[in-house]
Amino acid sequence: MNSSKKNIASNLRFLRNRHGWSQEQVAEKIGVTRQAVAKWENGDTLPDILNCEALADLYDVSLNDLVRHDPDSEGMPIPPKDKHLFGVVTLGERGQVVLPKKARDILNLESGDQMVVLGDTNPVTPGLALIDSKTFLRMTGQAVESLFKGKGEH
């Protein structure tokens, strides 16, 4: 229970600061007193389940992460709901990348699945992103379906 209390307090402090809100503003948004928010953030008391749910919704995090995410052991702060940081991968000689097992498991990825590779060449924000081809086609309204012709199921 003490680790959960510590996690909740730490997560609540981090989330409030990340949003730039005062304890008073958080209290107003979920209908409690500023003192209650202060006690939760100090680890003096725990919010009840309804307040935990309201806080998770307010901060757009999962209820499970709000209660269980341990920023010390994870080495990073609580993530937004449904967002993950799976780790670092190394680019192989021919450009191959092995996706971490946790990523494959959570996203139900299997050998042969098609992914779309997106890129950002802005010098300030360069990077690549992968998205499931079916999801990409659904999002783009089939506008780029020709990319997948002859490449298997889409």
Protein backbone atom coordinates (compact mmCIF):
# COMPACT_ATOMS: atom_id res chain seq x y z
CA MET A 1 0.00 0.00 0.00
CA ASN A 2 2.85 2.40 0.77
CA SER A 3 4.31 2.05 -2.73
CA SER A 4 0.87 2.71 -4.26
CA LYS A 5 0.47 5.78 -2.06
CA LYS A 6 3.94 7.00 -3.09
CA ASN A 7 3.21 6.32 -6.77
CA ILE A 8 -0.12 8.14 -6.69
CA ALA A 9 1.38 11.13 -4.90
CA SER A 10 4.34 11.33 -7.29
CA ASN A 11 2.15 10.88 -10.37
CA LEU A 12 -0.35 13.52 -9.23
CA ARG A 13 2.40 16.08 -8.56
CA PHE A 14 4.02 15.40 -11.93
CA LEU A 15 0.76 15.53 -13.88
CA ARG A 16 -0.43 18.75 -12.27
CA ASN A 17 2.92 20.43 -12.94
CA ARG A 18 3.02 19.13 -16.52
CA HIS A 19 -0.35 20.78 -17.15
CA GLY A 20 0.73 23.98 -15.39
CA TRP A 21 -2.23 23.91 -13.00
CA SER A 22 -2.37 24.99 -9.38
CA GLN A 23 -3.77 22.69 -6.71
CA GLU A 24 -6.75 25.04 -6.54
CA GLN A 25 -7.41 24.64 -10.28
CA VAL A 26 -7.27 20.83 -10.04
CA ALA A 27 -9.59 20.92 -7.04
CA GLU A 28 -12.13 23.04 -8.92
CA LYS A 29 -11.99 20.78 -11.98
CA ILE A 30 -12.85 17.62 -10.02
CA GLY A 31 -14.98 19.15 -7.25
CA VAL A 32 -12.83 18.74 -4.14
CA THR A 33 -10.92 21.11 -1.86
CA ARG A 34 -7.41 22.36 -2.50
CA GLN A 35 -6.43 20.75 0.81
CA ALA A 36 -7.56 17.34 -0.45
CA VAL A 37 -5.37 17.72 -3.55
CA ALA A 38 -2.43 18.80 -1.37
CA LYS A 39 -2.85 15.77 0.92
CA TRP A 40 -2.97 13.41 -2.08
CA GLU A 41 0.14 14.97 -3.60
CA ASN A 42 2.01 14.76 -0.27
CA GLY A 43 0.97 11.14 0.23
CA ASP A 44 -0.85 11.97 3.48
CA THR A 45 -4.12 10.48 2.18
CA LEU A 46 -5.34 8.61 -0.89
CA PRO A 47 -8.11 9.79 -3.22
CA ASP A 48 -11.13 7.46 -3.28
CA ILE A 49 -11.82 5.45 -6.43
CA LEU A 50 -14.22 8.04 -7.87
CA ASN A 51 -11.67 10.81 -7.41
CA CYS A 52 -8.95 8.59 -8.88
CA GLU A 53 -11.15 8.05 -11.92
CA ALA A 54 -11.83 11.80 -12.20
CA LEU A 55 -8.11 12.55 -11.92
CA ALA A 56 -7.19 9.93 -14.53
CA ASP A 57 -9.75 11.43 -16.92
CA LEU A 58 -8.60 14.97 -16.17
CA TYR A 59 -4.96 14.13 -16.89
CA ASP A 60 -5.73 11.69 -19.75
CA VAL A 61 -3.88 8.78 -18.16
CA SER A 62 -5.10 5.28 -17.42
CA LEU A 63 -6.48 4.61 -13.96
CA ASN A 64 -4.08 1.69 -13.68
CA ASP A 65 -1.07 3.90 -14.49
CA LEU A 66 -2.22 6.62 -12.10
CA VAL A 67 -2.21 4.09 -9.26
CA ARG A 68 0.57 1.71 -10.26
CA HIS A 69 3.07 3.56 -12.47
CA ASP A 70 6.32 3.85 -10.52
CA PRO A 71 8.38 6.62 -12.13
CA ASP A 72 11.49 5.60 -10.18
CA SER A 73 11.56 1.98 -11.34
CA GLU A 74 10.33 2.82 -14.87
CA GLY A 75 12.89 5.60 -15.25
CA MET A 76 10.29 7.90 -16.80
CA PRO A 77 7.15 9.79 -15.79
CA ILE A 78 3.63 8.48 -16.20
CA PRO A 79 2.64 8.29 -19.88
CA PRO A 80 -0.56 9.55 -21.52
CA LYS A 81 -3.34 6.97 -21.91
CA ASP A 82 -2.63 4.38 -24.62
CA LYS A 83 0.88 5.75 -25.32
CA HIS A 84 4.00 3.66 -24.81
CA LEU A 85 7.74 4.08 -24.92
CA PHE A 86 9.05 0.63 -25.79
CA GLY A 87 12.76 1.40 -25.62
CA VAL A 88 15.63 1.91 -28.02
CA VAL A 89 16.44 -0.24 -31.06
CA THR A 90 19.60 -0.34 -33.18
CA LEU A 91 19.48 0.13 -36.94
CA GLY A 92 21.08 -2.82 -38.73
CA GLU A 93 23.48 -2.67 -41.67
CA ARG A 94 20.68 -2.94 -44.23
CA GLY A 95 18.23 -0.72 -42.32
CA GLN A 96 16.51 -3.50 -40.42
CA VAL A 97 15.00 -2.85 -37.00
CA VAL A 98 13.76 -5.44 -34.53
CA LEU A 99 10.69 -4.22 -32.67
CA PRO A 100 10.77 -4.97 -28.93
CA LYS A 101 8.75 -8.03 -27.90
CA LYS A 102 6.59 -5.92 -25.57
CA ALA A 103 5.62 -3.69 -28.54
CA ARG A 104 4.80 -6.70 -30.72
CA ASP A 105 2.74 -8.27 -27.94
CA ILE A 106 0.78 -5.15 -26.97
CA LEU A 107 0.06 -4.21 -30.58
CA ASN A 108 -0.57 -7.84 -31.67
CA LEU A 109 2.07 -7.62 -34.42
CA GLU A 110 3.10 -10.81 -36.20
CA SER A 111 5.61 -11.77 -38.84
CA GLY A 112 4.27 -10.72 -42.25
CA ASP A 113 2.16 -7.82 -40.96
CA GLN A 114 2.48 -4.75 -43.17
CA MET A 115 3.52 -1.45 -41.68
CA VAL A 116 3.63 1.99 -43.28
CA VAL A 117 6.82 3.97 -42.64
CA LEU A 118 6.25 7.70 -42.23
CA GLY A 119 9.04 10.25 -42.04
CA ASP A 120 9.68 13.79 -40.88
CA THR A 121 12.67 15.48 -42.54
CA ASN A 122 12.35 18.78 -40.67
CA PRO A 123 15.85 19.37 -39.22
CA VAL A 124 14.31 20.27 -35.87
CA THR A 125 12.12 17.16 -35.58
CA PRO A 126 13.60 14.43 -37.82
CA GLY A 127 12.27 10.93 -37.32
CA LEU A 128 10.35 7.90 -38.48
CA ALA A 129 7.06 6.40 -37.38
CA LEU A 130 5.44 3.04 -38.11
CA ILE A 131 1.71 2.49 -38.42
CA ASP A 132 -0.28 -0.62 -39.27
CA SER A 133 -1.18 -0.48 -42.97
CA LYS A 134 -4.88 -1.24 -42.34
CA THR A 135 -5.07 1.61 -39.84
CA PHE A 136 -3.26 3.93 -42.24
CA LEU A 137 -5.65 3.10 -45.07
CA ARG A 138 -8.63 3.63 -42.79
CA MET A 139 -7.24 7.03 -41.71
CA THR A 140 -6.43 8.20 -45.23
CA GLY A 141 -9.72 7.06 -46.74
CA GLN A 142 -8.05 4.62 -49.15
CA ALA A 143 -6.37 7.58 -50.90
CA VAL A 144 -3.01 5.79 -50.95
CA GLU A 145 -4.23 2.25 -51.56
CA SER A 146 -2.03 1.96 -54.67
CA LEU A 147 1.04 1.83 -52.39
CA PHE A 148 -0.12 -1.59 -51.21
CA LYS A 149 -1.08 -3.20 -54.53
CA GLY A 150 0.75 -6.49 -54.89
CA LYS A 151 2.18 -6.30 -51.36
CA GLY A 152 -0.20 -8.74 -49.72
CA GLU A 153 -3.44 -8.22 -47.85
CA HIS A 154 -4.42 -4.67 -46.77
